[in-house]
C-alpha atoms as a PDB file:
ATOM      1  CA  MET A   1      50.398 151.982 139.021  1.00  0.00           C
ATOM      2  CA  ASN A   2      54.134 151.450 138.566  1.00  0.00           C
ATOM      3  CA  ILE A   3      54.861 154.960 139.793  1.00  0.00           C
ATOM      4  CA  VAL A   4      52.735 154.364 142.895  1.00  0.00           C
ATOM      5  CA  LEU A   5      54.733 151.199 143.588  1.00  0.00           C
ATOM      6  CA  VAL A   6      58.071 152.989 143.154  1.00  0.00           C
ATOM      7  CA  VAL A   7      57.001 155.812 145.490  1.00  0.00           C
ATOM      8  CA  LEU A   8      55.717 153.309 148.043  1.00  0.00           C
ATOM      9  CA  ILE A   9      58.981 151.355 147.976  1.00  0.00           C
ATOM     10  CA  CYS A  10      60.973 154.583 148.356  1.00  0.00           C
ATOM     11  CA  VAL A  11      58.885 155.580 151.375  1.00  0.00           C
ATOM     12  CA  ASP A  12      59.387 152.109 152.851  1.00  0.00           C
ATOM     13  CA  VAL A  13      63.156 152.282 152.320  1.00  0.00           C
ATOM     14  CA  LEU A  14      63.337 155.765 153.855  1.00  0.00           C
ATOM     15  CA  LEU A  15      61.344 154.664 156.884  1.00  0.00           C
ATOM     16  CA  ARG A  16      63.402 151.528 157.310  1.00  0.00           C
ATOM     17  CA  TYR A  17      66.904 152.923 156.889  1.00  0.00           C
ATOM     18  CA  PHE A  18      66.554 156.427 158.264  1.00  0.00           C
ATOM     19  CA  PHE A  19      63.992 155.902 161.010  1.00  0.00           C
ATOM     20  CA  ASN A  20      64.452 152.201 161.801  1.00  0.00           C
ATOM     21  CA  SER A  21      60.759 151.734 161.326  1.00  0.00           C
ATOM     22  CA  THR A  22      58.349 150.336 158.789  1.00  0.00           C
ATOM     23  CA  GLU A  23      54.663 149.654 158.575  1.00  0.00           C
ATOM     24  CA  LYS A  24      53.313 146.200 157.823  1.00  0.00           C
ATOM     25  CA  TRP A  25      50.553 147.654 155.628  1.00  0.00           C
ATOM     26  CA  ILE A  26      53.169 149.336 153.407  1.00  0.00           C
ATOM     27  CA  ILE A  27      54.980 146.051 152.803  1.00  0.00           C
ATOM     28  CA  GLU A  28      51.710 144.248 152.076  1.00  0.00           C
ATOM     29  CA  LEU A  29      50.539 147.025 149.767  1.00  0.00           C
ATOM     30  CA  GLU A  30      53.827 146.746 147.853  1.00  0.00           C
ATOM     31  CA  TRP A  31      53.280 143.089 147.048  1.00  0.00           C
ATOM     32  CA  HIS A  32      49.579 143.633 146.327  1.00  0.00           C
ATOM     33  CA  ILE A  33      50.374 146.354 143.797  1.00  0.00           C
ATOM     34  CA  PHE A  34      53.181 144.278 142.269  1.00  0.00           C
ATOM     35  CA  ALA A  35      50.819 141.304 141.924  1.00  0.00           C
ATOM     36  CA  ALA A  36      48.150 143.499 140.319  1.00  0.00           C
ATOM     37  CA  ILE A  37      50.674 144.921 137.839  1.00  0.00           C
ATOM     38  CA  PHE A  38      51.839 141.434 136.919  1.00  0.00           C
ATOM     39  CA  LEU A  39      48.346 139.925 136.662  1.00  0.00           C
ATOM     40  CA  ILE A  40      46.786 142.778 134.700  1.00  0.00           C
ATOM     41  CA  GLY A  41      49.932 143.221 132.611  1.00  0.00           C
ATOM     42  CA  ALA A  42      49.969 139.595 131.441  1.00  0.00           C
ATOM     43  CA  SER A  43      47.158 140.141 128.929  1.00  0.00           C
ATOM     44  CA  TYR A  44      48.757 143.371 127.687  1.00  0.00           C
ATOM     45  CA  THR A  45      52.077 141.585 127.257  1.00  0.00           C
ATOM     46  CA  PHE A  46      50.376 138.739 125.397  1.00  0.00           C
ATOM     47  CA  LYS A  47      48.506 141.197 123.147  1.00  0.00           C
ATOM     48  CA  ASN A  48      51.776 142.851 122.141  1.00  0.00           C
ATOM     49  CA  ASP A  49      53.590 139.510 121.713  1.00  0.00           C
ATOM     50  CA  LYS A  50      56.228 140.448 124.288  1.00  0.00           C
ATOM     51  CA  HIS A  51      55.813 137.393 126.521  1.00  0.00           C
ATOM     52  CA  VAL A  52      58.642 134.998 127.217  1.00  0.00           C
ATOM     53  CA  ARG A  53      58.894 132.111 124.813  1.00  0.00           C
ATOM     54  CA  VAL A  54      61.523 129.548 123.963  1.00  0.00           C
ATOM     55  CA  ASP A  55      62.360 130.367 120.359  1.00  0.00           C
ATOM     56  CA  LEU A  56      64.570 127.423 119.485  1.00  0.00           C
ATOM     57  CA  PHE A  57      62.363 126.443 116.556  1.00  0.00           C
ATOM     58  CA  TYR A  58      59.587 129.045 116.495  1.00  0.00           C
ATOM     59  CA  GLN A  59      61.780 131.886 115.218  1.00  0.00           C
ATOM     60  CA  ASN A  60      62.527 129.940 112.025  1.00  0.00           C
ATOM     61  CA  PHE A  61      58.899 128.974 111.336  1.00  0.00           C
ATOM     62  CA  SER A  62      56.887 130.523 108.529  1.00  0.00           C
ATOM     63  CA  VAL A  63      54.080 132.938 109.385  1.00  0.00           C
ATOM     64  CA  GLN A  64      51.523 130.167 108.791  1.00  0.00           C
ATOM     65  CA  LYS A  65      53.353 127.682 111.000  1.00  0.00           C
ATOM     66  CA  LYS A  66      53.688 130.307 113.766  1.00  0.00           C
ATOM     67  CA  ALA A  67      49.961 130.973 113.520  1.00  0.00           C
ATOM     68  CA  TRP A  68      49.205 127.256 113.915  1.00  0.00           C
ATOM     69  CA  VAL A  69      51.547 126.940 116.892  1.00  0.00           C
ATOM     70  CA  ASN A  70      49.871 129.938 118.534  1.00  0.00           C
ATOM     71  CA  ILE A  71      46.342 128.699 117.825  1.00  0.00           C
ATOM     72  CA  LEU A  72      47.059 125.207 119.144  1.00  0.00           C
ATOM     73  CA  GLY A  73      48.949 126.577 122.155  1.00  0.00           C
ATOM     74  CA  ASN A  74      46.043 128.882 122.982  1.00  0.00           C
ATOM     75  CA  ILE A  75      43.368 126.210 122.555  1.00  0.00           C
ATOM     76  CA  LEU A  76      45.205 123.300 124.179  1.00  0.00           C
ATOM     77  CA  PHE A  77      47.075 125.071 126.962  1.00  0.00           C
ATOM     78  CA  LEU A  78      46.372 128.748 127.615  1.00  0.00           C
ATOM     79  CA  ILE A  79      42.567 128.840 127.404  1.00  0.00           C
ATOM     80  CA  PRO A  80      42.013 125.711 129.564  1.00  0.00           C
ATOM     81  CA  TRP A  81      44.565 126.935 132.107  1.00  0.00           C
ATOM     82  CA  CYS A  82      42.863 130.341 132.272  1.00  0.00           C
ATOM     83  CA  LEU A  83      39.496 128.652 132.850  1.00  0.00           C
ATOM     84  CA  VAL A  84      40.917 126.537 135.690  1.00  0.00           C
ATOM     85  CA  VAL A  85      42.540 129.550 137.368  1.00  0.00           C
ATOM     86  CA  ILE A  86      39.435 131.747 136.920  1.00  0.00           C
ATOM     87  CA  TYR A  87      37.198 129.089 138.459  1.00  0.00           C
ATOM     88  CA  SER A  88      39.593 128.366 141.341  1.00  0.00           C
ATOM     89  CA  SER A  89      40.496 131.966 142.100  1.00  0.00           C
ATOM     90  CA  TYR A  90      36.867 133.090 142.043  1.00  0.00           C
ATOM     91  CA  LYS A  91      35.988 130.473 144.650  1.00  0.00           C
ATOM     92  CA  TYR A  92      39.121 131.458 146.588  1.00  0.00           C
ATOM     93  CA  GLY A  93      38.094 135.125 146.495  1.00  0.00           C
ATOM     94  CA  MET A  94      34.494 134.375 147.471  1.00  0.00           C
ATOM     95  CA  VAL A  95      35.597 132.399 150.534  1.00  0.00           C
ATOM     96  CA  SER A  96      37.890 135.264 151.498  1.00  0.00           C
ATOM     97  CA  LEU A  97      35.107 137.809 150.962  1.00  0.00           C
ATOM     98  CA  SER A  98      32.587 135.729 152.924  1.00  0.00           C
ATOM     99  CA  TYR A  99      34.499 136.327 156.137  1.00  0.00           C
ATOM    100  CA  LEU A 100      36.057 139.652 155.102  1.00  0.00           C
ATOM    101  CA  GLU A 101      39.560 138.253 155.283  1.00  0.00           C
ATOM    102  CA  GLY A 102      42.219 140.714 156.256  1.00  0.00           C
ATOM    103  CA  SER A 103      45.881 140.429 156.983  1.00  0.00           C
ATOM    104  CA  PRO A 104      46.793 138.102 159.833  1.00  0.00           C
ATOM    105  CA  ASP A 105      49.457 140.618 160.855  1.00  0.00           C
ATOM    106  CA  PRO A 106      48.724 143.543 163.158  1.00  0.00           C
ATOM    107  CA  ASN A 107      48.524 146.780 161.131  1.00  0.00           C
ATOM    108  CA  GLY A 108      48.226 144.771 157.898  1.00  0.00           C
ATOM    109  CA  LEU A 109      45.783 145.484 155.096  1.00  0.00           C
ATOM    110  CA  PRO A 110      42.144 144.910 156.024  1.00  0.00           C
ATOM    111  CA  ALA A 111      40.797 143.576 152.692  1.00  0.00           C
ATOM    112  CA  ARG A 112      42.892 140.672 151.446  1.00  0.00           C
ATOM    113  CA  TYR A 113      40.013 139.421 149.297  1.00  0.00           C
ATOM    114  CA  ILE A 114      40.606 142.297 146.845  1.00  0.00           C
ATOM    115  CA  ILE A 115      43.941 140.931 145.662  1.00  0.00           C
ATOM    116  CA  LYS A 116      42.419 137.471 145.421  1.00  0.00           C
ATOM    117  CA  PHE A 117      39.804 138.802 143.010  1.00  0.00           C
ATOM    118  CA  ILE A 118      42.571 140.538 141.021  1.00  0.00           C
ATOM    119  CA  ILE A 119      43.766 137.014 140.171  1.00  0.00           C
ATOM    120  CA  THR A 120      40.347 136.305 138.648  1.00  0.00           C
ATOM    121  CA  ILE A 121      40.328 139.613 136.769  1.00  0.00           C
ATOM    122  CA  GLY A 122      43.860 139.152 135.432  1.00  0.00           C
ATOM    123  CA  PHE A 123      43.196 135.653 134.132  1.00  0.00           C
ATOM    124  CA  THR A 124      39.844 136.709 132.664  1.00  0.00           C
ATOM    125  CA  LEU A 125      41.633 139.414 130.676  1.00  0.00           C
ATOM    126  CA  LEU A 126      44.248 136.872 129.608  1.00  0.00           C
ATOM    127  CA  LEU A 127      41.484 134.458 128.545  1.00  0.00           C
ATOM    128  CA  PHE A 128      39.817 137.151 126.431  1.00  0.00           C
ATOM    129  CA  GLN A 129      43.143 138.030 124.847  1.00  0.00           C
ATOM    130  CA  ALA A 130      43.879 134.369 124.065  1.00  0.00           C
ATOM    131  CA  ILE A 131      40.477 134.025 122.380  1.00  0.00           C
ATOM    132  CA  ILE A 132      41.004 137.244 120.399  1.00  0.00           C
ATOM    133  CA  ASP A 133      44.506 136.139 119.404  1.00  0.00           C
ATOM    134  CA  SER A 134      43.216 132.769 118.209  1.00  0.00           C
ATOM    135  CA  ILE A 135      40.446 134.394 116.152  1.00  0.00           C
ATOM    136  CA  GLU A 136      42.921 136.824 114.583  1.00  0.00           C
ATOM    137  CA  LYS A 137      45.331 134.008 113.712  1.00  0.00           C
ATOM    138  CA  ILE A 138      42.510 131.927 112.183  1.00  0.00           C
ATOM    139  CA  LYS A 139      41.353 134.929 110.124  1.00  0.00           C
ATOM    140  CA  GLY A 140      44.941 135.455 108.964  1.00  0.00           C
ATOM    141  CA  LEU A 141      45.245 131.833 107.897  1.00  0.00           C
ATOM    142  CA  LYS A 142      41.944 132.014 106.011  1.00  0.00           C
ATOM    143  CA  ARG A 143      43.029 135.191 104.187  1.00  0.00           C
ATOM    144  CA  LYS A 144      46.320 133.556 103.235  1.00  0.00           C
ATOM    145  CA  VAL A 145      44.580 130.419 101.939  1.00  0.00           C
ATOM    146  CA  TRP A 146      41.913 132.342 100.029  1.00  0.00           C
ATOM    147  CA  ASN A 147      44.222 135.064  98.703  1.00  0.00           C
ATOM    148  CA  GLY A 148      47.200 133.162  97.858  1.00  0.00           C
END
């Protein structure tokens, strides 16, 4: 999907700077693809522990303390926030779908509800990953307690 976005941006730049022209649907598709990459990529980033975090104290914590911080952060913050966004974005997408919302701009994309449902999909994936991460951390803590 990243390659598609790069090609699309290159086409847009060529049209704009060499032909003094651009298409509204190209610009909208660029931000739709970027949003999809970001939303779908959030769970992948979380899975691989590559998300942004303030490591003032965390980096010096023991493995057990890091596990507890992650479990509590997931349960108290990430999982509830995902549930709120999933609920809200699903309703948002359904309203958009109910009247087949398209771009308000002439020559814009006809199906704006698709990107609204991508929000729901992205946060659902993030929710699943947060649950999996919490279970893995709890299992790790149990192994540590039982084994040593």
